[in-house]
Amino acid sequence: MKSISRRGFLKGLSGTALGLASVSAFGTQVPLLASKERTLSFYNLHTGESMDATYWADGHYIPEVLADVNHLLRDHRSDSSTAMDTRLFDMLHLLQQDLGVNKQFHVISGYRSPETNAKLRQQSKKVAKRSYHMLGKAIDIRLPGVPLKALGSQARALQVGGVGYYQRSNFIHVDVGPVRAWG
C-alpha cells in the first residue's frame, strides 16, 4: 500500500471521514479529520464578528455555513469576499486537533482584494505581490492560550502549505500553497 503525506492527504480530501491517527504536540493520539463534524470558531479582530461554524458534517461541506465563514473572513477594507479554499479550513481543524485545543482563532487577515493587497504592499515589503490571500487560500491567525511559537511550529510540522511566523506582529500566516516556511 502506498503511503500518503499530510499534504497529499489534504489535497485529496473528498469529503469522507477518515480514521487516521496522529500524535498531537502533547503526545496524545488524535484522529485526523475522523469526526462526523468539523467545527471551527473565528473572531475577526477588525470587524468584531465571531462565529462557531460546523462547516462539514455527514461527509459533506455545508455551503450555507461556508458562505457565512467566507463573509466573516472578507476583506474588511473593501467589504468584498471570495469562496475560501476548504482545504484551509481542514488545515486549521487539523492544527487544532494536533495541538489538542478547541479555541477560537483570532483572524488578522483572511481574504484580501487585489486593491487592498496592493495598498498593503506599498506599506510593507513583507506583503507578497501574488498573495494567496487574494485567492482565498491564506489566513493570518493567532490562537489565544497557545504560544505563537508552538502554533507556528505545529503548523510547519503539518507540511501542508506555507507558514510564516511574524513574532513582532503576533500572528502566523498559513496557506494551502506549496510547502515552505519563513520568519
Protein backbone atom coordinates (compact mmCIF):
# COMPACT_ATOMS: atom_id res chain seq x y z
CA MET A 1 0.00 0.00 0.00
CA LYS A 2 1.39 3.41 -0.96
CA SER A 3 1.87 5.84 1.95
CA ILE A 4 0.43 9.33 1.68
CA SER A 5 1.80 12.56 3.09
CA ARG A 6 -0.35 15.01 5.06
CA ARG A 7 -0.11 17.35 2.09
CA GLY A 8 -1.33 14.65 -0.28
CA PHE A 9 -4.00 13.66 2.21
CA LEU A 10 -5.42 17.16 2.44
CA LYS A 11 -5.16 17.70 -1.31
CA GLY A 12 -7.04 14.50 -1.90
CA LEU A 13 -9.82 15.06 0.60
CA SER A 14 -13.07 14.07 -0.98
CA GLY A 15 -15.31 14.80 1.96
CA THR A 16 -15.22 11.36 3.52
CA ALA A 17 -14.31 10.88 7.16
CA LEU A 18 -11.06 9.02 7.52
CA GLY A 19 -9.96 7.20 10.63
CA LEU A 20 -6.27 8.06 10.54
CA ALA A 21 -4.41 8.94 13.72
CA SER A 22 -1.64 11.32 14.59
CA VAL A 23 0.33 12.20 17.68
CA SER A 24 -0.53 15.69 18.95
CA ALA A 25 2.04 18.21 20.11
CA PHE A 26 1.43 16.90 23.62
CA GLY A 27 1.99 13.24 22.71
CA THR A 28 -1.64 12.09 22.65
CA GLN A 29 -3.25 10.16 19.83
CA VAL A 30 -5.85 12.17 17.90
CA PRO A 31 -7.94 11.13 14.90
CA LEU A 32 -7.17 13.08 11.73
CA LEU A 33 -10.36 14.57 10.39
CA ALA A 34 -12.23 11.48 11.52
CA SER A 35 -15.04 13.25 13.34
CA LYS A 36 -18.56 13.30 11.97
CA GLU A 37 -18.41 17.08 12.18
CA ARG A 38 -15.68 19.66 11.63
CA THR A 39 -16.19 22.86 13.56
CA LEU A 40 -14.06 25.97 13.75
CA SER A 41 -14.52 29.11 15.79
CA PHE A 42 -13.40 32.50 14.49
CA TYR A 43 -13.13 36.03 15.84
CA ASN A 44 -12.39 38.75 13.27
CA LEU A 45 -10.22 41.33 15.03
CA HIS A 46 -11.14 44.07 12.54
CA THR A 47 -14.93 43.71 12.46
CA GLY A 48 -15.56 42.30 15.95
CA GLU A 49 -17.61 39.48 14.42
CA SER A 50 -17.33 35.95 15.74
CA MET A 51 -18.86 32.61 14.90
CA ASP A 52 -18.76 28.92 15.65
CA ALA A 53 -19.03 27.16 12.32
CA THR A 54 -19.70 23.48 11.75
CA TYR A 55 -18.59 23.64 8.12
CA TRP A 56 -18.53 19.90 7.41
CA ALA A 57 -20.92 17.18 8.58
CA ASP A 58 -22.08 13.76 7.45
CA GLY A 59 -19.37 13.55 4.80
CA HIS A 60 -20.08 16.92 3.16
CA TYR A 61 -19.15 20.56 3.31
CA ILE A 62 -22.12 22.74 4.23
CA PRO A 63 -22.48 25.51 1.60
CA GLU A 64 -24.56 27.86 3.78
CA VAL A 65 -22.03 27.71 6.60
CA LEU A 66 -19.12 28.16 4.20
CA ALA A 67 -20.85 31.28 2.85
CA ASP A 68 -21.11 32.66 6.39
CA VAL A 69 -17.45 31.91 7.10
CA ASN A 70 -16.44 33.49 3.78
CA HIS A 71 -18.31 36.64 4.83
CA LEU A 72 -16.59 36.73 8.23
CA LEU A 73 -13.19 36.32 6.53
CA ARG A 74 -13.93 39.07 3.99
CA ASP A 75 -11.64 41.97 3.19
CA HIS A 76 -12.91 44.47 5.75
CA ARG A 77 -11.37 47.37 3.82
CA SER A 78 -13.35 46.76 0.62
CA ASP A 79 -16.16 44.67 2.15
CA SER A 80 -15.58 42.04 -0.54
CA SER A 81 -15.31 38.30 -0.09
CA THR A 82 -14.48 35.17 -2.02
CA ALA A 83 -15.01 31.44 -1.63
CA MET A 84 -12.19 30.43 0.70
CA ASP A 85 -10.45 27.15 -0.10
CA THR A 86 -11.97 24.43 2.09
CA ARG A 87 -8.52 22.83 2.43
CA LEU A 88 -7.58 25.87 4.51
CA PHE A 89 -10.39 25.11 6.96
CA ASP A 90 -9.37 21.46 7.07
CA MET A 91 -5.80 22.53 7.82
CA LEU A 92 -7.00 24.72 10.71
CA HIS A 93 -9.14 21.87 12.01
CA LEU A 94 -6.18 19.51 11.81
CA LEU A 95 -3.94 22.07 13.50
CA GLN A 96 -6.35 22.32 16.43
CA GLN A 97 -6.54 18.55 16.70
CA ASP A 98 -2.77 18.22 16.70
CA LEU A 99 -2.46 20.91 19.36
CA GLY A 100 -5.21 19.29 21.42
CA VAL A 101 -7.16 22.55 21.73
CA ASN A 102 -10.59 23.77 20.70
CA LYS A 103 -10.27 27.55 20.85
CA GLN A 104 -11.37 30.50 18.79
CA PHE A 105 -8.97 31.54 16.02
CA HIS A 106 -8.31 35.28 16.08
CA VAL A 107 -8.25 36.38 12.45
CA ILE A 108 -5.92 39.18 11.42
CA SER A 109 -6.45 38.71 7.68
CA GLY A 110 -8.45 36.30 5.55
CA TYR A 111 -9.40 37.27 2.02
CA ARG A 112 -7.73 40.34 0.52
CA SER A 113 -8.88 42.07 -2.64
CA PRO A 114 -6.15 42.84 -5.18
CA GLU A 115 -6.60 46.54 -4.42
CA THR A 116 -6.15 46.03 -0.68
CA ASN A 117 -3.15 43.79 -1.27
CA ALA A 118 -1.54 46.47 -3.48
CA LYS A 119 -2.10 49.14 -0.79
CA LEU A 120 -0.65 46.91 1.93
CA ARG A 121 2.28 46.08 -0.32
CA GLN A 122 3.09 49.80 -0.60
CA GLN A 123 3.26 49.92 3.20
CA SER A 124 5.34 46.76 3.75
CA LYS A 125 7.79 44.69 1.75
CA LYS A 126 6.52 41.62 3.64
CA VAL A 127 3.26 41.61 1.65
CA ALA A 128 3.56 39.27 -1.34
CA LYS A 129 2.69 40.64 -4.78
CA ARG A 130 0.81 37.44 -5.63
CA SER A 131 -0.51 36.78 -2.13
CA TYR A 132 -2.52 33.62 -1.51
CA HIS A 133 -4.89 35.86 0.48
CA MET A 134 -6.20 37.17 -2.87
CA LEU A 135 -7.08 33.60 -3.88
CA GLY A 136 -8.86 32.68 -0.64
CA LYS A 137 -6.07 30.24 0.16
CA ALA A 138 -4.45 32.01 3.16
CA ILE A 139 -5.25 33.30 6.61
CA ASP A 140 -3.27 35.18 9.28
CA ILE A 141 -4.17 33.98 12.77
CA ARG A 142 -3.32 33.62 16.40
CA LEU A 143 -4.82 31.18 18.89
CA PRO A 144 -5.21 32.65 22.40
CA GLY A 145 -3.62 30.49 25.06
CA VAL A 146 -1.29 28.84 22.55
CA PRO A 147 2.19 30.36 22.36
CA LEU A 148 2.80 31.76 18.89
CA LYS A 149 6.00 29.74 18.53
CA ALA A 150 4.14 26.49 19.32
CA LEU A 151 1.35 27.39 16.89
CA GLY A 152 3.86 28.11 14.12
CA SER A 153 5.92 25.00 14.84
CA GLN A 154 2.87 22.75 14.74
CA ALA A 155 1.62 24.38 11.53
CA ARG A 156 5.04 23.78 9.94
CA ALA A 157 5.01 20.17 11.13
CA LEU A 158 1.80 19.59 9.16
CA GLN A 159 3.75 20.10 5.90
CA VAL A 160 0.52 21.19 4.21
CA GLY A 161 1.35 24.63 2.79
CA GLY A 162 3.11 27.86 3.61
CA VAL A 163 3.71 29.00 7.17
CA GLY A 164 5.02 32.43 8.06
CA TYR A 165 5.96 33.40 11.60
CA TYR A 166 5.50 37.09 12.49
CA GLN A 167 6.56 37.36 16.11
CA ARG A 168 6.60 41.17 16.24
CA SER A 169 3.06 41.38 14.87
CA ASN A 170 1.92 38.39 16.98
CA PHE A 171 0.45 36.15 14.29
CA ILE A 172 1.24 33.31 11.93
CA HIS A 173 0.31 33.07 8.27
CA VAL A 174 -0.88 29.72 6.92
CA ASP A 175 -1.86 28.90 3.36
CA VAL A 176 -2.56 25.91 1.16
CA GLY A 177 0.07 26.79 -1.43
CA PRO A 178 3.41 24.99 -1.80
CA VAL A 179 5.10 23.79 1.39
CA ARG A 180 7.50 26.47 2.60
CA ALA A 181 8.28 28.42 5.76
CA TRP A 182 9.67 31.82 6.67
CA GLY A 183 10.11 34.11 9.65
